[in-house]
Amino acid sequence: MEVVLLVLRLSLAAVFGTAGVAKLFDPVGSEKALRDFGVPALLVSPMLVILPAVELLIAGSLLLNSSSWYGAVGASVLLLIFIAGMLYQLAKGNSPDCHCFGQIHNEPVGKASVVRNIVLLALSGYLLFSGRSVQGMSLINSERDILSFVLGLVVVVLLAGILFLLKRISEQQTQLMRRMEILELVGHDGSPVEREDVGHPHEGLPIGAQFPDFQLAGLDGRPVSRADMRAENMPVLFLFISPTCTPCKSMVTEFTEWNAALEDKVRLVFVSNGKKKDNDDKFGLIGQSNILLLQKDRELAELVKAKWTPTAVLMDAAGRIASHIAAGDAAIRALVDQVMTADLDQEYTYFTNGSGDAHKIKIGRDIPQFTLQDISGNEISADAFTGKDTLVTFWSLTCPHCLEMMKDLHEWDKAKGEDDPRLIVFSDGDKAEHEKFELTSPIVLERGYKTAGKFGMFGTPSAVLVNENGKIVSETAIGAAEIWSLIGKRK
């Protein structure tokens, strides 16, 4: 019996120790999981430290015979909280990623997650009801053994962290090599590959922007528009390909498999260019069961900033950008894997590629509570954002790009109709200078941009879109073109 209890303690210690270390190395995933589970915003940051610390404390307690019972108490309480949170989300029809083991393993919450935690709860409960004095064999018997054991445990944790970091570096190098192979394959015939218009492969429209309106002909010659895609009331995964793209051809089998796997969840739409015959010869197989649209040049690809082939981007059922650009075969596979396991019916579902300031995205969060006065002396508070979409912009008189955008902003402000979003400008500086812009919409001057920062603003000009319920529904758009994309305008 003592051996059985020792095995139970070691098993639980391994589970909680792994979970604690993994969460420390995956703060972005842990933050998203906490928010998806409904943890109040004020508690999220401290919980990123407290939760893994508690898990590591439980793991350490379970290793020592003298403290094992207390570790079992902590494990049981924590598992009960986890199970209650999972059941609550499932009852609401949600299935957020639990990120229980960081990037080592994460999956949407489901029956398997609940059953796993119930089994762990049964194990910790067995230790708990065995009593303080019946916790199995002891691993150590003297103070010297305790010191050696603690030092050994610290070394093991450090080695685990180093191995995890090496694994991440290896994965990034593998992804880089695959992208280099794509470029080599594209230019395999020895001819120069001109890509004067190509920027960074991850550049794209901000999440939450309206997917650009378009009308392109399919392989059968019939026109297809954005409105046609939205009429199906399904998310659409746009895959930009080309008959001159060797990696695209190599992925045809995968395209077909994805279409079958995602049939009731996501519509696959392929966007190519060139002659109909060339696309028939190369992509005829996928064109039989999917929509394959032909651009005259690269007009839709330019609008969504899909400058590489193959590239994928997701449009949600509401017609808005729901993913960062996925450029290259590895990135597309990663995006498809995420889409397959996600609950796309859940509000504010989106997918990042982990680049740039992805961790600063505030989509789905309530706007900050504030009360300020605009330059006309009117009181502006968070309550003013309800009932209608609002474009919230971050401005500066010392920003030349802001001043260049002002003419277009002024014209739109005067001409916008009832169906257009409201506008509010957060800025700093001289009141008289701002009055010269003659905007009908409120301009709020606040030294230090404290409120604007809580909206997720950084850089000027930037903006976010807030919906009629006072929820932020886009990531921060930087620059005039991205800002206009939030409301479907082209500049």
Protein backbone atom coordinates (compact mmCIF):
# COMPACT_ATOMS: atom_id res chain seq x y z
CA MET A 1 0.00 0.00 0.00
CA GLU A 2 2.85 2.40 0.83
CA VAL A 3 4.32 1.86 -2.63
CA VAL A 4 0.92 2.57 -4.25
CA LEU A 5 0.56 5.83 -2.34
CA LEU A 6 4.09 6.86 -3.35
CA VAL A 7 3.31 6.18 -7.01
CA LEU A 8 0.12 8.26 -6.72
CA ARG A 9 2.07 11.14 -5.17
CA LEU A 10 4.78 11.02 -7.84
CA SER A 11 2.21 10.85 -10.65
CA LEU A 12 0.28 13.85 -9.36
CA ALA A 13 3.53 15.76 -8.71
CA ALA A 14 4.62 15.11 -12.31
CA VAL A 15 1.29 16.37 -13.67
CA PHE A 16 1.18 19.55 -11.57
CA GLY A 17 4.91 20.23 -11.99
CA THR A 18 4.72 19.91 -15.77
CA ALA A 19 1.62 22.12 -15.92
CA GLY A 20 3.22 24.81 -13.75
CA VAL A 21 6.50 24.96 -15.70
CA ALA A 22 4.68 24.88 -19.06
CA LYS A 23 2.41 27.79 -18.09
CA LEU A 24 5.42 29.89 -17.08
CA PHE A 25 6.90 29.39 -20.53
CA ASP A 26 3.62 30.14 -22.34
CA PRO A 27 2.30 33.41 -20.83
CA VAL A 28 0.48 34.40 -24.05
CA GLY A 29 -1.49 31.16 -24.26
CA SER A 30 -2.16 31.19 -20.52
CA GLU A 31 -3.47 34.77 -20.67
CA LYS A 32 -5.85 33.89 -23.51
CA ALA A 33 -7.08 30.80 -21.64
CA LEU A 34 -7.75 32.80 -18.46
CA ARG A 35 -9.71 35.42 -20.40
CA ASP A 36 -11.65 32.77 -22.36
CA PHE A 37 -12.62 31.11 -19.07
CA GLY A 38 -14.08 34.39 -17.85
CA VAL A 39 -11.44 35.43 -15.32
CA PRO A 40 -11.94 39.18 -14.57
CA ALA A 41 -9.48 41.40 -16.44
CA LEU A 42 -7.97 42.78 -13.23
CA LEU A 43 -7.07 39.27 -12.05
CA VAL A 44 -5.57 37.96 -15.29
CA SER A 45 -2.06 39.40 -14.85
CA PRO A 46 -1.58 38.26 -11.24
CA MET A 47 -3.07 34.84 -12.08
CA LEU A 48 -0.37 34.35 -14.75
CA VAL A 49 2.09 34.11 -11.84
CA ILE A 50 -0.11 32.77 -9.03
CA LEU A 51 -1.57 29.76 -10.90
CA PRO A 52 1.74 28.16 -12.02
CA ALA A 53 3.28 29.02 -8.62
CA VAL A 54 0.44 27.16 -6.85
CA GLU A 55 0.79 24.19 -9.20
CA LEU A 56 4.55 24.01 -8.55
CA LEU A 57 3.95 24.33 -4.79
CA ILE A 58 1.47 21.44 -4.93
CA ALA A 59 3.95 19.36 -6.93
CA GLY A 60 6.70 20.02 -4.41
CA SER A 61 4.44 19.25 -1.45
CA LEU A 62 3.42 15.90 -2.94
CA LEU A 63 7.02 14.81 -3.16
CA LEU A 64 7.58 15.06 0.60
CA ASN A 65 5.85 12.59 2.90
CA SER A 66 5.44 15.22 5.63
CA SER A 67 3.62 17.70 3.37
CA SER A 68 1.93 15.33 0.92
CA TRP A 69 -1.49 15.53 2.59
CA TYR A 70 -1.51 19.33 2.27
CA GLY A 71 -0.49 18.97 -1.36
CA ALA A 72 -3.43 16.63 -1.89
CA VAL A 73 -5.75 19.24 -0.35
CA GLY A 74 -4.42 21.91 -2.73
CA ALA A 75 -4.62 19.58 -5.72
CA SER A 76 -8.22 18.63 -4.93
CA VAL A 77 -9.34 22.25 -4.53
CA LEU A 78 -7.59 23.34 -7.74
CA LEU A 79 -9.01 20.41 -9.73
CA LEU A 80 -12.53 21.15 -8.44
CA ILE A 81 -12.15 24.75 -9.65
CA PHE A 82 -10.87 23.53 -13.04
CA ILE A 83 -13.73 21.05 -13.43
CA ALA A 84 -16.35 23.64 -12.44
CA GLY A 85 -14.90 26.13 -14.94
CA MET A 86 -14.91 23.54 -17.73
CA LEU A 87 -18.48 22.41 -17.03
CA TYR A 88 -19.64 26.03 -16.94
CA GLN A 89 -18.06 26.76 -20.34
CA LEU A 90 -19.46 23.56 -21.86
CA ALA A 91 -22.93 24.42 -20.51
CA LYS A 92 -22.69 27.78 -22.31
CA GLY A 93 -21.72 25.99 -25.52
CA ASN A 94 -18.10 27.21 -25.40
CA SER A 95 -14.93 25.16 -25.80
CA PRO A 96 -11.93 27.43 -25.10
CA ASP A 97 -8.41 26.04 -25.29
CA CYS A 98 -7.44 25.09 -21.74
CA HIS A 99 -3.66 25.54 -22.21
CA CYS A 100 -3.35 23.24 -19.19
CA PHE A 101 0.14 22.25 -20.26
CA GLY A 102 1.15 25.42 -22.14
CA GLN A 103 2.51 24.76 -25.61
CA ILE A 104 3.47 21.19 -24.71
CA HIS A 105 -0.17 20.20 -25.19
CA ASN A 106 -3.36 22.22 -25.43
CA GLU A 107 -6.79 21.36 -26.71
CA PRO A 108 -10.32 22.77 -26.67
CA VAL A 109 -12.21 21.92 -23.49
CA GLY A 110 -14.41 18.88 -23.97
CA LYS A 111 -15.57 15.68 -22.31
CA ALA A 112 -12.03 14.27 -22.40
CA SER A 113 -10.70 17.29 -20.47
CA VAL A 114 -13.38 16.93 -17.79
CA VAL A 115 -12.83 13.15 -17.47
CA ARG A 116 -9.06 13.65 -17.17
CA ASN A 117 -9.50 16.13 -14.34
CA ILE A 118 -12.03 13.90 -12.59
CA VAL A 119 -9.51 11.03 -12.67
CA LEU A 120 -6.84 13.30 -11.20
CA LEU A 121 -9.33 14.48 -8.58
CA ALA A 122 -10.01 10.85 -7.64
CA LEU A 123 -6.28 10.24 -7.17
CA SER A 124 -5.77 13.33 -5.02
CA GLY A 125 -8.95 12.53 -3.11
CA TYR A 126 -7.59 9.08 -2.30
CA LEU A 127 -4.48 10.65 -0.80
CA LEU A 128 -6.61 13.19 1.04
CA PHE A 129 -8.89 10.62 2.69
CA SER A 130 -5.98 8.33 3.52
CA GLY A 131 -5.08 10.79 6.28
CA ARG A 132 -2.04 12.85 7.13
CA SER A 133 -0.11 9.96 8.60
CA VAL A 134 -0.77 7.53 5.74
CA GLN A 135 0.90 9.02 2.68
CA GLY A 136 3.12 6.14 1.58
CA MET A 137 6.86 5.67 1.49
CA SER A 138 9.18 8.62 2.09
CA LEU A 139 11.66 9.67 -0.60
CA ILE A 140 14.05 11.30 1.89
CA ASN A 141 14.91 10.73 5.52
CA SER A 142 17.27 13.52 6.65
CA GLU A 143 17.83 17.25 6.34
CA ARG A 144 20.84 16.60 4.11
CA ASP A 145 18.63 14.51 1.84
CA ILE A 146 16.07 17.31 1.72
CA LEU A 147 18.68 19.86 0.63
CA SER A 148 20.06 17.52 -2.01
CA PHE A 149 16.56 16.75 -3.20
CA VAL A 150 15.57 20.43 -3.51
CA LEU A 151 18.76 21.26 -5.40
CA GLY A 152 18.18 18.31 -7.70
CA LEU A 153 14.60 19.40 -8.31
CA VAL A 154 15.75 22.94 -9.23
CA VAL A 155 18.27 21.50 -11.69
CA VAL A 156 15.59 19.30 -13.29
CA VAL A 157 13.23 22.28 -13.69
CA LEU A 158 15.99 24.39 -15.26
CA LEU A 159 16.93 21.57 -17.65
CA ALA A 160 13.25 21.18 -18.61
CA GLY A 161 13.06 24.91 -19.34
CA ILE A 162 16.22 24.79 -21.44
CA LEU A 163 14.95 21.78 -23.41
CA PHE A 164 11.65 23.57 -24.03
CA LEU A 165 13.43 26.68 -25.34
CA LEU A 166 15.67 24.56 -27.58
CA LYS A 167 12.57 22.86 -28.94
CA ARG A 168 10.99 26.24 -29.77
CA ILE A 169 14.18 27.43 -31.48
CA SER A 170 14.34 24.21 -33.49
CA GLU A 171 10.71 24.61 -34.59
CA GLN A 172 11.34 28.20 -35.69
CA GLN A 173 14.42 27.15 -37.67
CA THR A 174 12.44 24.37 -39.33
CA GLN A 175 9.72 26.84 -40.32
CA LEU A 176 12.34 29.25 -41.71
CA MET A 177 13.95 26.47 -43.75
CA ARG A 178 10.59 25.49 -45.21
CA ARG A 179 9.93 29.07 -46.28
CA MET A 180 13.37 29.23 -47.90
CA GLU A 181 12.58 26.00 -49.73
CA ILE A 182 9.39 27.61 -51.03
CA LEU A 183 11.37 30.49 -52.51
CA GLU A 184 13.85 28.09 -54.07
CA LEU A 185 11.06 26.02 -55.58
CA VAL A 186 9.35 29.09 -57.00
CA GLY A 187 12.56 30.06 -58.80
CA HIS A 188 13.56 26.44 -59.60
CA ASP A 189 13.66 26.96 -63.34
CA GLY A 190 16.61 29.32 -62.93
CA SER A 191 14.73 32.40 -64.14
CA PRO A 192 14.77 35.51 -61.94
CA VAL A 193 11.78 35.87 -59.63
CA GLU A 194 10.63 39.48 -59.48
CA ARG A 195 8.91 40.37 -56.19
CA GLU A 196 9.29 44.13 -56.02
CA ASP A 197 5.94 44.51 -54.28
CA VAL A 198 6.53 41.84 -51.67
CA GLY A 199 6.87 42.85 -48.04
CA HIS A 200 7.08 40.74 -44.93
CA PRO A 201 5.00 37.55 -45.37
CA HIS A 202 3.06 38.23 -42.15
CA GLU A 203 1.86 41.68 -43.21
CA GLY A 204 -1.89 41.74 -43.70
CA LEU A 205 -5.09 43.52 -42.80
CA PRO A 206 -5.79 43.80 -39.07
CA ILE A 207 -8.04 41.23 -37.45
CA GLY A 208 -11.51 42.72 -37.27
CA ALA A 209 -11.20 44.67 -40.53
CA GLN A 210 -13.90 44.20 -43.11
CA PHE A 211 -12.88 41.68 -45.74
CA PRO A 212 -12.57 43.74 -48.97
CA ASP A 213 -15.49 43.67 -51.37
CA PHE A 214 -14.74 41.85 -54.62
CA GLN A 215 -16.26 40.26 -57.69
CA LEU A 216 -14.22 37.64 -59.52
CA ALA A 217 -15.03 35.00 -62.12
CA GLY A 218 -14.88 31.32 -61.24
CA LEU A 219 -13.44 28.64 -63.51
CA ASP A 220 -16.95 28.24 -64.96
CA GLY A 221 -17.04 31.96 -65.83
CA ARG A 222 -19.78 32.88 -63.34
CA PRO A 223 -19.09 35.93 -61.14
CA VAL A 224 -18.67 35.45 -57.38
CA SER A 225 -18.68 38.31 -54.86
CA ARG A 226 -18.08 38.86 -51.17
CA ALA A 227 -21.86 39.09 -50.74
CA ASP A 228 -22.23 35.60 -52.26
CA MET A 229 -19.74 34.25 -49.74
CA ARG A 230 -21.53 35.90 -46.82
CA ALA A 231 -24.89 34.56 -47.97
CA GLU A 232 -23.81 31.08 -46.91
CA ASN A 233 -23.39 32.37 -43.33
CA MET A 234 -20.18 30.38 -42.89
CA PRO A 235 -16.56 31.37 -42.27
CA VAL A 236 -14.49 31.31 -45.45
CA LEU A 237 -10.84 30.30 -45.68
CA PHE A 238 -9.34 32.08 -48.66
CA LEU A 239 -6.28 30.33 -50.11
CA PHE A 240 -4.24 32.40 -52.56
CA ILE A 241 -2.45 30.20 -55.08
CA SER A 242 -0.91 30.49 -58.54
CA PRO A 243 -0.31 28.10 -61.49
CA THR A 244 3.36 29.14 -61.39
CA CYS A 245 3.67 28.23 -57.69
CA THR A 246 5.34 24.83 -57.20
CA PRO A 247 4.52 24.55 -53.46
CA CYS A 248 0.84 25.21 -54.29
CA LYS A 249 0.79 22.18 -56.58
CA SER A 250 2.40 20.02 -53.90
CA MET A 251 -0.42 20.91 -51.48
CA VAL A 252 -3.35 19.92 -53.75
CA THR A 253 -3.86 16.63 -51.90
CA GLU A 254 -3.97 18.46 -48.57
CA PHE A 255 -6.40 21.03 -50.00
CA THR A 256 -8.76 18.16 -50.89
CA GLU A 257 -8.41 16.58 -47.44
CA TRP A 258 -9.08 19.91 -45.71
CA ASN A 259 -12.18 20.46 -47.79
CA ALA A 260 -13.62 17.15 -46.60
CA ALA A 261 -12.60 17.69 -42.97
CA LEU A 262 -14.00 21.25 -42.81
CA GLU A 263 -17.07 20.72 -44.99
CA ASP A 264 -19.65 21.65 -42.34
CA LYS A 265 -17.49 24.22 -40.60
CA VAL A 266 -15.59 26.40 -43.08
CA ARG A 267 -15.91 27.12 -46.80
CA LEU A 268 -12.64 26.84 -48.75
CA VAL A 269 -12.26 29.37 -51.57
CA PHE A 270 -9.17 29.35 -53.81
CA VAL A 271 -8.03 32.56 -55.47
CA SER A 272 -5.60 32.28 -58.37
CA ASN A 273 -4.53 34.22 -61.44
CA GLY A 274 -3.37 33.48 -64.96
CA LYS A 275 -5.16 31.60 -67.73
CA LYS A 276 -8.12 29.30 -67.14
CA LYS A 277 -6.38 26.39 -68.91
CA ASP A 278 -3.26 26.67 -66.74
CA ASN A 279 -5.38 26.62 -63.58
CA ASP A 280 -7.49 23.72 -64.91
CA ASP A 281 -4.35 21.70 -65.59
CA LYS A 282 -2.82 22.40 -62.19
CA PHE A 283 -5.81 22.78 -59.86
CA GLY A 284 -8.65 21.08 -61.71
CA LEU A 285 -9.06 18.57 -58.91
CA ILE A 286 -9.78 21.16 -56.22
CA GLY A 287 -11.81 23.27 -58.65
CA GLN A 288 -14.35 20.45 -58.99
CA SER A 289 -15.42 20.54 -55.35
CA ASN A 290 -14.46 24.09 -54.34
CA ILE A 291 -14.79 27.62 -55.63
CA LEU A 292 -11.68 28.63 -57.57
CA LEU A 293 -11.70 32.32 -58.50
CA LEU A 294 -9.49 33.94 -61.13
CA GLN A 295 -8.03 37.41 -60.70
CA LYS A 296 -7.15 39.44 -63.77
CA ASP A 297 -3.90 40.32 -62.08
CA ARG A 298 -3.61 40.11 -58.28
CA GLU A 299 -6.32 42.60 -57.34
CA LEU A 300 -7.88 40.72 -54.40
CA ALA A 301 -4.50 39.52 -53.17
CA GLU A 302 -3.32 43.14 -53.09
CA LEU A 303 -6.37 44.24 -51.13
CA VAL A 304 -5.82 41.67 -48.38
CA LYS A 305 -2.00 42.01 -48.62
CA ALA A 306 -1.53 38.36 -49.57
CA LYS A 307 1.76 39.01 -51.33
CA TRP A 308 3.05 35.42 -51.32
CA THR A 309 1.71 32.13 -52.66
CA PRO A 310 0.50 30.01 -51.08
CA THR A 311 -1.15 32.23 -48.49
CA ALA A 312 -4.31 31.78 -46.42
CA VAL A 313 -6.56 34.17 -44.50
CA LEU A 314 -9.85 33.50 -42.71
CA MET A 315 -13.01 35.58 -43.10
CA ASP A 316 -15.62 35.05 -40.37
CA ALA A 317 -19.35 34.67 -40.99
CA ALA A 318 -19.81 38.42 -40.40
CA GLY A 319 -17.46 39.23 -43.28
CA ARG A 320 -14.49 40.37 -41.18
CA ILE A 321 -10.85 39.31 -41.15
CA ALA A 322 -10.53 36.58 -38.49
CA SER A 323 -6.87 35.58 -38.85
CA HIS A 324 -3.47 36.99 -39.52
CA ILE A 325 -1.94 36.19 -42.89
CA ALA A 326 -0.57 32.63 -43.04
CA ALA A 327 2.18 32.67 -45.69
CA GLY A 328 3.77 29.40 -46.78
CA ASP A 329 2.84 25.76 -46.39
CA ALA A 330 3.89 25.42 -42.73
CA ALA A 331 1.96 28.52 -41.63
CA ILE A 332 -1.15 27.43 -43.57
CA ARG A 333 -1.08 23.98 -41.99
CA ALA A 334 -0.78 25.57 -38.55
CA LEU A 335 -3.77 27.84 -39.25
CA VAL A 336 -5.89 24.96 -40.56
CA ASP A 337 -5.05 22.89 -37.47
CA GLN A 338 -6.22 25.76 -35.25
CA VAL A 339 -9.42 26.23 -37.27
CA MET A 340 -10.22 22.50 -37.12
CA THR A 341 -10.14 22.39 -33.32
CA ALA A 342 -11.70 25.80 -32.59
CA ASP A 343 -15.34 26.60 -31.92
CA LEU A 344 -16.03 29.04 -34.73
CA ASP A 345 -19.53 29.72 -33.42
CA GLN A 346 -18.03 31.32 -30.34
CA GLU A 347 -18.09 35.11 -30.52
CA TYR A 348 -14.78 36.94 -31.05
CA THR A 349 -12.90 33.86 -32.29
CA TYR A 350 -9.71 34.80 -34.13
CA PHE A 351 -6.28 33.35 -34.93
CA THR A 352 -2.92 35.08 -34.69
CA ASN A 353 0.41 34.05 -36.17
CA GLY A 354 2.25 35.09 -33.01
CA SER A 355 4.14 37.91 -34.71
CA GLY A 356 4.40 41.57 -33.77
CA ASP A 357 2.09 42.73 -30.98
CA ALA A 358 -0.31 39.78 -31.08
CA HIS A 359 -0.24 39.59 -27.28
CA LYS A 360 -1.71 43.12 -27.05
CA ILE A 361 -4.90 42.25 -28.91
CA LYS A 362 -7.98 43.20 -26.85
CA ILE A 363 -10.68 41.72 -29.09
CA GLY A 364 -13.75 40.73 -27.08
CA ARG A 365 -12.90 42.89 -24.09
CA ASP A 366 -15.09 45.66 -22.71
CA ILE A 367 -13.86 49.18 -23.35
CA PRO A 368 -12.25 50.87 -20.33
CA GLN A 369 -14.44 52.88 -17.98
CA PHE A 370 -13.68 56.59 -18.18
CA THR A 371 -15.24 60.05 -18.04
CA LEU A 372 -13.54 62.89 -19.92
CA GLN A 373 -14.50 66.12 -21.67
CA ASP A 374 -14.09 66.75 -25.39
CA ILE A 375 -12.79 70.09 -26.75
CA SER A 376 -16.36 71.42 -26.85
CA GLY A 377 -16.83 70.79 -23.14
CA ASN A 378 -19.15 67.81 -23.58
CA GLU A 379 -18.77 64.88 -21.21
CA ILE A 380 -17.65 61.67 -22.93
CA SER A 381 -17.83 58.37 -21.05
CA ALA A 382 -17.87 54.64 -21.80
CA ASP A 383 -21.68 54.78 -21.95
CA ALA A 384 -21.43 56.87 -25.14
CA PHE A 385 -20.14 53.82 -27.05
CA THR A 386 -23.28 51.70 -26.75
CA GLY A 387 -25.97 51.41 -29.40
CA LYS A 388 -23.73 51.83 -32.43
CA ASP A 389 -20.29 50.86 -33.74
CA THR A 390 -17.56 53.40 -33.02
CA LEU A 391 -14.21 54.00 -34.71
CA VAL A 392 -11.82 55.02 -31.92
CA THR A 393 -8.69 56.75 -33.22
CA PHE A 394 -5.40 57.68 -31.56
CA TRP A 395 -3.96 60.96 -32.82
CA SER A 396 -1.09 63.42 -32.45
CA LEU A 397 -0.44 66.91 -33.78
CA THR A 398 3.25 66.07 -34.11
CA CYS A 399 2.54 63.04 -36.35
CA PRO A 400 2.86 63.94 -40.08
CA HIS A 401 0.89 60.82 -41.08
CA CYS A 402 -1.99 61.97 -38.89
CA LEU A 403 -2.05 65.38 -40.55
CA GLU A 404 -1.97 63.77 -43.99
CA MET A 405 -4.98 61.64 -43.06
CA MET A 406 -6.98 64.54 -41.60
CA LYS A 407 -8.44 65.73 -44.90
CA ASP A 408 -9.94 62.30 -45.66
CA LEU A 409 -11.07 61.92 -42.05
CA HIS A 410 -12.74 65.33 -42.13
CA GLU A 411 -14.57 64.49 -45.38
CA TRP A 412 -15.76 61.14 -44.04
CA ASP A 413 -16.81 62.71 -40.73
CA LYS A 414 -19.06 65.19 -42.53
CA ALA A 415 -20.44 62.73 -45.11
CA LYS A 416 -20.97 59.57 -43.02
CA GLY A 417 -24.52 58.30 -42.84
CA GLU A 418 -26.66 56.68 -40.20
CA ASP A 419 -25.26 53.23 -40.95
CA ASP A 420 -21.64 54.34 -40.62
CA PRO A 421 -19.79 54.00 -37.31
CA ARG A 422 -19.41 56.95 -34.99
CA LEU A 423 -15.98 58.54 -34.61
CA ILE A 424 -14.07 59.61 -31.53
CA VAL A 425 -10.52 60.99 -31.56
CA PHE A 426 -8.12 60.74 -28.61
CA SER A 427 -5.28 63.24 -28.90
CA ASP A 428 -3.00 65.51 -26.92
CA GLY A 429 -1.79 69.07 -27.37
CA ASP A 430 -3.25 72.51 -27.99
CA LYS A 431 -7.04 72.79 -27.94
CA ALA A 432 -7.12 75.65 -30.47
CA GLU A 433 -5.10 73.63 -33.00
CA HIS A 434 -7.57 70.76 -32.78
CA GLU A 435 -10.54 73.09 -33.18
CA LYS A 436 -9.13 74.07 -36.60
CA PHE A 437 -9.90 70.58 -37.90
CA GLU A 438 -13.63 71.36 -37.55
CA LEU A 439 -14.64 67.76 -36.89
CA THR A 440 -18.26 67.22 -35.93
CA SER A 441 -17.20 64.15 -33.93
CA PRO A 442 -15.70 64.55 -30.45
CA ILE A 443 -11.98 65.10 -29.93
CA VAL A 444 -10.78 64.20 -26.44
CA LEU A 445 -7.49 65.69 -25.24
CA GLU A 446 -5.74 63.75 -22.52
CA ARG A 447 -2.13 64.24 -21.51
CA GLY A 448 -0.23 60.98 -21.62
CA TYR A 449 -2.97 59.13 -23.60
CA LYS A 450 -3.82 57.02 -20.54
CA THR A 451 -7.33 56.13 -21.68
CA ALA A 452 -6.28 55.56 -25.29
CA GLY A 453 -3.60 53.17 -24.07
CA LYS A 454 -6.26 51.06 -22.33
CA PHE A 455 -7.97 50.67 -25.69
CA GLY A 456 -4.78 49.02 -26.98
CA MET A 457 -3.53 52.05 -28.91
CA PHE A 458 0.14 52.40 -29.73
CA GLY A 459 1.74 54.49 -32.47
CA THR A 460 0.00 57.24 -34.43
CA PRO A 461 -2.28 57.22 -36.23
CA SER A 462 -3.93 54.05 -34.93
CA ALA A 463 -7.48 52.92 -34.27
CA VAL A 464 -9.72 50.13 -32.99
CA LEU A 465 -13.34 49.35 -33.77
CA VAL A 466 -15.85 49.08 -30.90
CA ASN A 467 -19.21 47.42 -31.46
CA GLU A 468 -22.64 48.54 -30.28
CA ASN A 469 -22.25 46.58 -27.03
CA GLY A 470 -19.08 48.42 -26.04
CA LYS A 471 -16.78 45.49 -26.95
CA ILE A 472 -13.50 45.95 -28.83
CA VAL A 473 -13.86 43.91 -32.05
CA SER A 474 -10.58 44.60 -33.87
CA GLU A 475 -6.90 44.58 -33.18
CA THR A 476 -5.09 47.91 -33.32
CA ALA A 477 -4.90 49.22 -36.88
CA ILE A 478 -1.77 51.27 -37.60
CA GLY A 479 -1.69 53.83 -40.41
CA ALA A 480 -4.38 55.30 -42.62
CA ALA A 481 -4.88 52.27 -44.90
CA GLU A 482 -5.39 49.86 -41.97
CA ILE A 483 -7.66 52.30 -40.13
CA TRP A 484 -9.92 52.69 -43.16
CA SER A 485 -10.00 48.91 -43.60
CA LEU A 486 -11.79 48.62 -40.23
CA ILE A 487 -14.83 50.28 -41.75
CA GLY A 488 -14.45 48.91 -45.28
CA LYS A 489 -13.05 52.00 -46.95
CA ARG A 490 -10.13 51.86 -49.39
CA LYS A 491 -7.36 54.44 -49.37
